[in-house]
Amino acid sequence: MNNLFTSLVRTGVPAAGGWLVAVALRHGLALDAAAVTGVLTPVATFAYYGVFRLAEEHLSPRYGWLLGYSRPPKYETPRLALPPN
């Protein structure tokens, strides 16, 4: 699969998951919409990605599915040539 598509999926799924967690917490914590949009959604998104990325790295690669794709994209490091002297 294309690395660009993989990276976009692995960004979008945690964003949607964080938003869903923030909306669910809003109903349980009686927060206003500005708090959910401005603070809680980014924090929940960061936590969602962090938890499942750590689980994927340290427990099992199967947790990558919770980020939208089973493995992170692999980028090739470019070989830089030194300029001639």
PDB file of N, CA and C in Angstrom:
ATOM      1  N   MET A   1       0.847  -1.172   0.000  1.00  0.00           N
ATOM      2  CA  MET A   1       0.000   0.000   0.000  1.00  0.00           C
ATOM      3  C   MET A   1       0.896   1.240   0.000  1.00  0.00           C
ATOM      4  N   ASN A   2       0.440   2.284  -0.603  1.00  0.00           N
ATOM      5  CA  ASN A   2       1.183   3.522  -0.721  1.00  0.00           C
ATOM      6  C   ASN A   2       1.437   4.130   0.659  1.00  0.00           C
ATOM      7  N   ASN A   3       2.671   4.593   0.899  1.00  0.00           N
ATOM      8  CA  ASN A   3       3.017   5.191   2.188  1.00  0.00           C
ATOM      9  C   ASN A   3       2.195   6.434   2.491  1.00  0.00           C
ATOM     10  N   LEU A   4       1.866   7.213   1.472  1.00  0.00           N
ATOM     11  CA  LEU A   4       1.061   8.410   1.694  1.00  0.00           C
ATOM     12  C   LEU A   4      -0.321   8.026   2.202  1.00  0.00           C
ATOM     13  N   PHE A   5      -0.954   7.062   1.557  1.00  0.00           N
ATOM     14  CA  PHE A   5      -2.273   6.617   1.989  1.00  0.00           C
ATOM     15  C   PHE A   5      -2.217   6.043   3.406  1.00  0.00           C
ATOM     16  N   THR A   6      -1.209   5.225   3.673  1.00  0.00           N
ATOM     17  CA  THR A   6      -1.057   4.627   4.998  1.00  0.00           C
ATOM     18  C   THR A   6      -0.904   5.704   6.061  1.00  0.00           C
ATOM     19  N   SER A   7      -0.073   6.702   5.804  1.00  0.00           N
ATOM     20  CA  SER A   7       0.133   7.758   6.789  1.00  0.00           C
ATOM     21  C   SER A   7      -1.125   8.592   6.998  1.00  0.00           C
ATOM     22  N   LEU A   8      -1.884   8.826   5.923  1.00  0.00           N
ATOM     23  CA  LEU A   8      -3.134   9.575   6.071  1.00  0.00           C
ATOM     24  C   LEU A   8      -4.167   8.800   6.874  1.00  0.00           C
ATOM     25  N   VAL A   9      -4.279   7.509   6.626  1.00  0.00           N
ATOM     26  CA  VAL A   9      -5.213   6.682   7.385  1.00  0.00           C
ATOM     27  C   VAL A   9      -4.808   6.648   8.856  1.00  0.00           C
ATOM     28  N   ARG A  10      -3.500   6.499   9.106  1.00  0.00           N
ATOM     29  CA  ARG A  10      -3.031   6.415  10.485  1.00  0.00           C
ATOM     30  C   ARG A  10      -3.060   7.768  11.186  1.00  0.00           C
ATOM     31  N   THR A  11      -3.363   8.835  10.486  1.00  0.00           N
ATOM     32  CA  THR A  11      -3.606  10.135  11.093  1.00  0.00           C
ATOM     33  C   THR A  11      -5.103  10.358  11.294  1.00  0.00           C
ATOM     34  N   GLY A  12      -5.888   9.991  10.294  1.00  0.00           N
ATOM     35  CA  GLY A  12      -7.330  10.225  10.353  1.00  0.00           C
ATOM     36  C   GLY A  12      -8.058   9.377  11.365  1.00  0.00           C
ATOM     37  N   VAL A  13      -7.673   8.117  11.492  1.00  0.00           N
ATOM     38  CA  VAL A  13      -8.361   7.231  12.438  1.00  0.00           C
ATOM     39  C   VAL A  13      -8.174   7.703  13.883  1.00  0.00           C
ATOM     40  N   PRO A  14      -6.952   8.041  14.338  1.00  0.00           N
ATOM     41  CA  PRO A  14      -6.840   8.573  15.700  1.00  0.00           C
ATOM     42  C   PRO A  14      -7.570   9.904  15.891  1.00  0.00           C
ATOM     43  N   ALA A  15      -7.622  10.731  14.841  1.00  0.00           N
ATOM     44  CA  ALA A  15      -8.363  11.989  14.952  1.00  0.00           C
ATOM     45  C   ALA A  15      -9.845  11.720  15.167  1.00  0.00           C
ATOM     46  N   ALA A  16     -10.400  10.783  14.399  1.00  0.00           N
ATOM     47  CA  ALA A  16     -11.811  10.424  14.582  1.00  0.00           C
ATOM     48  C   ALA A  16     -12.032   9.754  15.929  1.00  0.00           C
ATOM     49  N   GLY A  17     -11.114   8.880  16.332  1.00  0.00           N
ATOM     50  CA  GLY A  17     -11.232   8.225  17.631  1.00  0.00           C
ATOM     51  C   GLY A  17     -11.148   9.217  18.777  1.00  0.00           C
ATOM     52  N   GLY A  18     -10.229  10.167  18.674  1.00  0.00           N
ATOM     53  CA  GLY A  18     -10.116  11.201  19.710  1.00  0.00           C
ATOM     54  C   GLY A  18     -11.353  12.066  19.786  1.00  0.00           C
ATOM     55  N   TRP A  19     -11.918  12.390  18.627  1.00  0.00           N
ATOM     56  CA  TRP A  19     -13.145  13.186  18.616  1.00  0.00           C
ATOM     57  C   TRP A  19     -14.287  12.419  19.278  1.00  0.00           C
ATOM     58  N   LEU A  20     -14.411  11.129  18.957  1.00  0.00           N
ATOM     59  CA  LEU A  20     -15.475  10.323  19.570  1.00  0.00           C
ATOM     60  C   LEU A  20     -15.302  10.216  21.084  1.00  0.00           C
ATOM     61  N   VAL A  21     -14.072  10.035  21.526  1.00  0.00           N
ATOM     62  CA  VAL A  21     -13.816   9.988  22.974  1.00  0.00           C
ATOM     63  C   VAL A  21     -14.169  11.322  23.620  1.00  0.00           C
ATOM     64  N   ALA A  22     -13.788  12.427  22.972  1.00  0.00           N
ATOM     65  CA  ALA A  22     -14.086  13.749  23.519  1.00  0.00           C
ATOM     66  C   ALA A  22     -15.584  14.003  23.584  1.00  0.00           C
ATOM     67  N   VAL A  23     -16.317  13.602  22.556  1.00  0.00           N
ATOM     68  CA  VAL A  23     -17.774  13.784  22.565  1.00  0.00           C
ATOM     69  C   VAL A  23     -18.409  12.933  23.664  1.00  0.00           C
ATOM     70  N   ALA A  24     -17.931  11.711  23.821  1.00  0.00           N
ATOM     71  CA  ALA A  24     -18.461  10.849  24.879  1.00  0.00           C
ATOM     72  C   ALA A  24     -18.163  11.444  26.254  1.00  0.00           C
ATOM     73  N   LEU A  25     -16.959  11.981  26.442  1.00  0.00           N
ATOM     74  CA  LEU A  25     -16.624  12.600  27.724  1.00  0.00           C
ATOM     75  C   LEU A  25     -17.440  13.860  27.973  1.00  0.00           C
ATOM     76  N   ARG A  26     -17.751  14.574  26.900  1.00  0.00           N
ATOM     77  CA  ARG A  26     -18.563  15.792  27.062  1.00  0.00           C
ATOM     78  C   ARG A  26     -19.910  15.469  27.681  1.00  0.00           C
ATOM     79  N   HIS A  27     -20.498  14.362  27.259  1.00  0.00           N
ATOM     80  CA  HIS A  27     -21.799  13.996  27.809  1.00  0.00           C
ATOM     81  C   HIS A  27     -21.689  13.547  29.260  1.00  0.00           C
ATOM     82  N   GLY A  28     -20.568  12.952  29.633  1.00  0.00           N
ATOM     83  CA  GLY A  28     -20.390  12.506  31.004  1.00  0.00           C
ATOM     84  C   GLY A  28     -19.895  13.586  31.939  1.00  0.00           C
ATOM     85  N   LEU A  29     -19.205  14.604  31.395  1.00  0.00           N
ATOM     86  CA  LEU A  29     -18.604  15.634  32.234  1.00  0.00           C
ATOM     87  C   LEU A  29     -19.311  16.981  32.156  1.00  0.00           C
ATOM     88  N   ALA A  30     -20.318  17.095  31.338  1.00  0.00           N
ATOM     89  CA  ALA A  30     -21.087  18.339  31.172  1.00  0.00           C
ATOM     90  C   ALA A  30     -20.176  19.513  30.808  1.00  0.00           C
ATOM     91  N   LEU A  31     -19.390  19.350  29.757  1.00  0.00           N
ATOM     92  CA  LEU A  31     -18.509  20.405  29.263  1.00  0.00           C
ATOM     93  C   LEU A  31     -19.185  21.151  28.120  1.00  0.00           C
ATOM     94  N   ASP A  32     -18.801  22.407  27.914  1.00  0.00           N
ATOM     95  CA  ASP A  32     -19.350  23.143  26.781  1.00  0.00           C
ATOM     96  C   ASP A  32     -18.613  22.748  25.499  1.00  0.00           C
ATOM     97  N   ALA A  33     -19.187  23.117  24.371  1.00  0.00           N
ATOM     98  CA  ALA A  33     -18.642  22.715  23.071  1.00  0.00           C
ATOM     99  C   ALA A  33     -17.262  23.301  22.824  1.00  0.00           C
ATOM    100  N   ALA A  34     -16.986  24.509  23.316  1.00  0.00           N
ATOM    101  CA  ALA A  34     -15.678  25.135  23.109  1.00  0.00           C
ATOM    102  C   ALA A  34     -14.575  24.342  23.811  1.00  0.00           C
ATOM    103  N   ALA A  35     -14.859  23.829  24.985  1.00  0.00           N
ATOM    104  CA  ALA A  35     -13.859  23.034  25.710  1.00  0.00           C
ATOM    105  C   ALA A  35     -13.574  21.732  24.973  1.00  0.00           C
ATOM    106  N   VAL A  36     -14.621  21.146  24.403  1.00  0.00           N
ATOM    107  CA  VAL A  36     -14.438  19.890  23.669  1.00  0.00           C
ATOM    108  C   VAL A  36     -13.628  20.136  22.406  1.00  0.00           C
ATOM    109  N   THR A  37     -13.962  21.177  21.672  1.00  0.00           N
ATOM    110  CA  THR A  37     -13.285  21.460  20.403  1.00  0.00           C
ATOM    111  C   THR A  37     -11.858  21.943  20.614  1.00  0.00           C
ATOM    112  N   GLY A  38     -11.669  22.833  21.549  1.00  0.00           N
ATOM    113  CA  GLY A  38     -10.365  23.465  21.709  1.00  0.00           C
ATOM    114  C   GLY A  38      -9.361  22.699  22.530  1.00  0.00           C
ATOM    115  N   VAL A  39      -9.807  21.922  23.504  1.00  0.00           N
ATOM    116  CA  VAL A  39      -8.876  21.277  24.420  1.00  0.00           C
ATOM    117  C   VAL A  39      -9.029  19.760  24.431  1.00  0.00           C
ATOM    118  N   LEU A  40     -10.218  19.299  24.651  1.00  0.00           N
ATOM    119  CA  LEU A  40     -10.422  17.875  24.893  1.00  0.00           C
ATOM    120  C   LEU A  40     -10.181  17.016  23.650  1.00  0.00           C
ATOM    121  N   THR A  41     -10.601  17.467  22.488  1.00  0.00           N
ATOM    122  CA  THR A  41     -10.396  16.669  21.269  1.00  0.00           C
ATOM    123  C   THR A  41      -8.913  16.476  20.950  1.00  0.00           C
ATOM    124  N   PRO A  42      -8.086  17.528  20.940  1.00  0.00           N
ATOM    125  CA  PRO A  42      -6.661  17.284  20.678  1.00  0.00           C
ATOM    126  C   PRO A  42      -5.992  16.403  21.739  1.00  0.00           C
ATOM    127  N   VAL A  43      -6.356  16.579  22.996  1.00  0.00           N
ATOM    128  CA  VAL A  43      -5.774  15.768  24.059  1.00  0.00           C
ATOM    129  C   VAL A  43      -6.200  14.310  23.903  1.00  0.00           C
ATOM    130  N   ALA A  44      -7.474  14.071  23.623  1.00  0.00           N
ATOM    131  CA  ALA A  44      -7.962  12.705  23.441  1.00  0.00           C
ATOM    132  C   ALA A  44      -7.345  12.065  22.197  1.00  0.00           C
ATOM    133  N   THR A  45      -7.158  12.841  21.129  1.00  0.00           N
ATOM    134  CA  THR A  45      -6.531  12.325  19.917  1.00  0.00           C
ATOM    135  C   THR A  45      -5.088  11.927  20.180  1.00  0.00           C
ATOM    136  N   PHE A  46      -4.355  12.781  20.872  1.00  0.00           N
ATOM    137  CA  PHE A  46      -2.968  12.486  21.216  1.00  0.00           C
ATOM    138  C   PHE A  46      -2.888  11.241  22.097  1.00  0.00           C
ATOM    139  N   ALA A  47      -3.768  11.135  23.069  1.00  0.00           N
ATOM    140  CA  ALA A  47      -3.777   9.974  23.965  1.00  0.00           C
ATOM    141  C   ALA A  47      -4.139   8.705  23.198  1.00  0.00           C
ATOM    142  N   TYR A  48      -5.144   8.775  22.337  1.00  0.00           N
ATOM    143  CA  TYR A  48      -5.560   7.616  21.538  1.00  0.00           C
ATOM    144  C   TYR A  48      -4.396   7.112  20.699  1.00  0.00           C
ATOM    145  N   TYR A  49      -3.747   8.016  19.969  1.00  0.00           N
ATOM    146  CA  TYR A  49      -2.627   7.620  19.121  1.00  0.00           C
ATOM    147  C   TYR A  49      -1.481   7.081  19.972  1.00  0.00           C
ATOM    148  N   GLY A  50      -1.162   7.768  21.049  1.00  0.00           N
ATOM    149  CA  GLY A  50      -0.049   7.362  21.893  1.00  0.00           C
ATOM    150  C   GLY A  50      -0.235   5.988  22.506  1.00  0.00           C
ATOM    151  N   VAL A  51      -1.420   5.717  23.025  1.00  0.00           N
ATOM    152  CA  VAL A  51      -1.681   4.418  23.658  1.00  0.00           C
ATOM    153  C   VAL A  51      -1.555   3.288  22.643  1.00  0.00           C
ATOM    154  N   PHE A  52      -2.193   3.422  21.498  1.00  0.00           N
ATOM    155  CA  PHE A  52      -2.182   2.325  20.543  1.00  0.00           C
ATOM    156  C   PHE A  52      -0.865   2.227  19.776  1.00  0.00           C
ATOM    157  N   ARG A  53      -0.152   3.327  19.621  1.00  0.00           N
ATOM    158  CA  ARG A  53       1.174   3.253  18.987  1.00  0.00           C
ATOM    159  C   ARG A  53       2.161   2.552  19.915  1.00  0.00           C
ATOM    160  N   LEU A  54       2.112   2.865  21.205  1.00  0.00           N
ATOM    161  CA  LEU A  54       2.967   2.173  22.172  1.00  0.00           C
ATOM    162  C   LEU A  54       2.606   0.696  22.269  1.00  0.00           C
ATOM    163  N   ALA A  55       1.302   0.401  22.253  1.00  0.00           N
ATOM    164  CA  ALA A  55       0.869  -0.994  22.297  1.00  0.00           C
ATOM    165  C   ALA A  55       1.352  -1.738  21.051  1.00  0.00           C
ATOM    166  N   GLU A  56       1.291  -1.078  19.900  1.00  0.00           N
ATOM    167  CA  GLU A  56       1.756  -1.689  18.653  1.00  0.00           C
ATOM    168  C   GLU A  56       3.257  -1.956  18.705  1.00  0.00           C
ATOM    169  N   GLU A  57       3.994  -1.037  19.268  1.00  0.00           N
ATOM    170  CA  GLU A  57       5.451  -1.152  19.315  1.00  0.00           C
ATOM    171  C   GLU A  57       5.928  -2.161  20.369  1.00  0.00           C
ATOM    172  N   HIS A  58       5.294  -2.163  21.542  1.00  0.00           N
ATOM    173  CA  HIS A  58       5.821  -2.938  22.666  1.00  0.00           C
ATOM    174  C   HIS A  58       5.041  -4.208  22.997  1.00  0.00           C
ATOM    175  N   LEU A  59       3.777  -4.289  22.601  1.00  0.00           N
ATOM    176  CA  LEU A  59       2.989  -5.475  22.926  1.00  0.00           C
ATOM    177  C   LEU A  59       2.818  -6.396  21.727  1.00  0.00           C
ATOM    178  N   SER A  60       2.184  -5.866  20.674  1.00  0.00           N
ATOM    179  CA  SER A  60       1.934  -6.683  19.491  1.00  0.00           C
ATOM    180  C   SER A  60       1.618  -5.781  18.303  1.00  0.00           C
ATOM    181  N   PRO A  61       2.125  -6.104  17.120  1.00  0.00           N
ATOM    182  CA  PRO A  61       1.792  -5.316  15.933  1.00  0.00           C
ATOM    183  C   PRO A  61       0.299  -5.332  15.604  1.00  0.00           C
ATOM    184  N   ARG A  62      -0.450  -6.260  16.176  1.00  0.00           N
ATOM    185  CA  ARG A  62      -1.894  -6.329  15.911  1.00  0.00           C
ATOM    186  C   ARG A  62      -2.624  -5.072  16.365  1.00  0.00           C
ATOM    187  N   TYR A  63      -2.073  -4.340  17.332  1.00  0.00           N
ATOM    188  CA  TYR A  63      -2.731  -3.119  17.795  1.00  0.00           C
ATOM    189  C   TYR A  63      -2.708  -2.008  16.751  1.00  0.00           C
ATOM    190  N   GLY A  64      -1.903  -2.163  15.713  1.00  0.00           N
ATOM    191  CA  GLY A  64      -1.873  -1.173  14.645  1.00  0.00           C
ATOM    192  C   GLY A  64      -3.200  -1.031  13.930  1.00  0.00           C
ATOM    193  N   TRP A  65      -4.011  -2.067  13.927  1.00  0.00           N
ATOM    194  CA  TRP A  65      -5.336  -1.982  13.290  1.00  0.00           C
ATOM    195  C   TRP A  65      -6.210  -0.930  13.946  1.00  0.00           C
ATOM    196  N   LEU A  66      -5.979  -0.658  15.224  1.00  0.00           N
ATOM    197  CA  LEU A  66      -6.761   0.376  15.901  1.00  0.00           C
ATOM    198  C   LEU A  66      -6.327   1.779  15.487  1.00  0.00           C
ATOM    199  N   LEU A  67      -5.260   1.850  14.712  1.00  0.00           N
ATOM    200  CA  LEU A  67      -4.834   3.119  14.127  1.00  0.00           C
ATOM    201  C   LEU A  67      -5.206   3.210  12.653  1.00  0.00           C
ATOM    202  N   GLY A  68      -5.904   2.202  12.154  1.00  0.00           N
ATOM    203  CA  GLY A  68      -6.382   2.246  10.784  1.00  0.00           C
ATOM    204  C   GLY A  68      -5.630   1.364   9.819  1.00  0.00           C
ATOM    205  N   TYR A  69      -4.418   0.983  10.150  1.00  0.00           N
ATOM    206  CA  TYR A  69      -3.620   0.132   9.275  1.00  0.00           C
ATOM    207  C   TYR A  69      -2.656  -0.645  10.154  1.00  0.00           C
ATOM    208  N   SER A  70      -2.347  -1.858   9.771  1.00  0.00           N
ATOM    209  CA  SER A  70      -1.638  -2.764  10.668  1.00  0.00           C
ATOM    210  C   SER A  70      -0.170  -2.424  10.928  1.00  0.00           C
ATOM    211  N   ARG A  71       0.433  -1.584  10.113  1.00  0.00           N
ATOM    212  CA  ARG A  71       1.831  -1.242  10.360  1.00  0.00           C
ATOM    213  C   ARG A  71       2.089   0.202   9.945  1.00  0.00           C
ATOM    214  N   PRO A  72       3.074   0.830  10.571  1.00  0.00           N
ATOM    215  CA  PRO A  72       3.386   2.209  10.196  1.00  0.00           C
ATOM    216  C   PRO A  72       3.999   2.278   8.801  1.00  0.00           C
ATOM    217  N   PRO A  73       3.897   3.424   8.139  1.00  0.00           N
ATOM    218  CA  PRO A  73       4.532   3.560   6.835  1.00  0.00           C
ATOM    219  C   PRO A  73       6.054   3.468   6.980  1.00  0.00           C
ATOM    220  N   LYS A  74       6.699   2.961   5.965  1.00  0.00           N
ATOM    221  CA  LYS A  74       8.154   2.859   5.972  1.00  0.00           C
ATOM    222  C   LYS A  74       8.700   3.839   4.934  1.00  0.00           C
ATOM    223  N   TYR A  75       9.490   4.756   5.415  1.00  0.00           N
ATOM    224  CA  TYR A  75      10.084   5.759   4.540  1.00  0.00           C
ATOM    225  C   TYR A  75      11.552   5.421   4.317  1.00  0.00           C
ATOM    226  N   GLU A  76      11.971   5.539   3.089  1.00  0.00           N
ATOM    227  CA  GLU A  76      13.374   5.307   2.775  1.00  0.00           C
ATOM    228  C   GLU A  76      14.160   6.560   3.107  1.00  0.00           C
ATOM    229  N   THR A  77      15.327   6.382   3.701  1.00  0.00           N
ATOM    230  CA  THR A  77      16.189   7.522   3.956  1.00  0.00           C
ATOM    231  C   THR A  77      17.018   7.796   2.705  1.00  0.00           C
ATOM    232  N   PRO A  78      16.964   9.014   2.221  1.00  0.00           N
ATOM    233  CA  PRO A  78      17.720   9.321   1.003  1.00  0.00           C
ATOM    234  C   PRO A  78      19.223   9.310   1.295  1.00  0.00           C
ATOM    235  N   ARG A  79      19.957   8.836   0.332  1.00  0.00           N
ATOM    236  CA  ARG A  79      21.419   8.849   0.462  1.00  0.00           C
ATOM    237  C   ARG A  79      21.917  10.166  -0.138  1.00  0.00           C
ATOM    238  N   LEU A  80      22.481  10.951   0.726  1.00  0.00           N
ATOM    239  CA  LEU A  80      22.986  12.248   0.283  1.00  0.00           C
ATOM    240  C   LEU A  80      24.460  12.116  -0.090  1.00  0.00           C
ATOM    241  N   ALA A  81      24.778  12.590  -1.238  1.00  0.00           N
ATOM    242  CA  ALA A  81      26.177  12.559  -1.688  1.00  0.00           C
ATOM    243  C   ALA A  81      26.855  13.858  -1.259  1.00  0.00           C
ATOM    244  N   LEU A  82      28.063  13.728  -0.782  1.00  0.00           N
ATOM    245  CA  LEU A  82      28.822  14.917  -0.420  1.00  0.00           C
ATOM    246  C   LEU A  82      29.306  15.616  -1.697  1.00  0.00           C
ATOM    247  N   PRO A  83      29.272  16.924  -1.687  1.00  0.00           N
ATOM    248  CA  PRO A  83      29.757  17.636  -2.881  1.00  0.00           C
ATOM    249  C   PRO A  83      31.266  17.472  -3.013  1.00  0.00           C
ATOM    250  N   PRO A  84      31.748  17.461  -4.255  1.00  0.00           N
ATOM    251  CA  PRO A  84      33.208  17.310  -4.442  1.00  0.00           C
ATOM    252  C   PRO A  84      33.936  18.535  -3.922  1.00  0.00           C
ATOM    253  N   ASN A  85      35.137  18.324  -3.425  1.00  0.00           N
ATOM    254  CA  ASN A  85      35.950  19.447  -2.899  1.00  0.00           C
ATOM    255  C   ASN A  85      36.679  20.173  -3.998  1.00  0.00           C
TER     256      ASN A  85
END
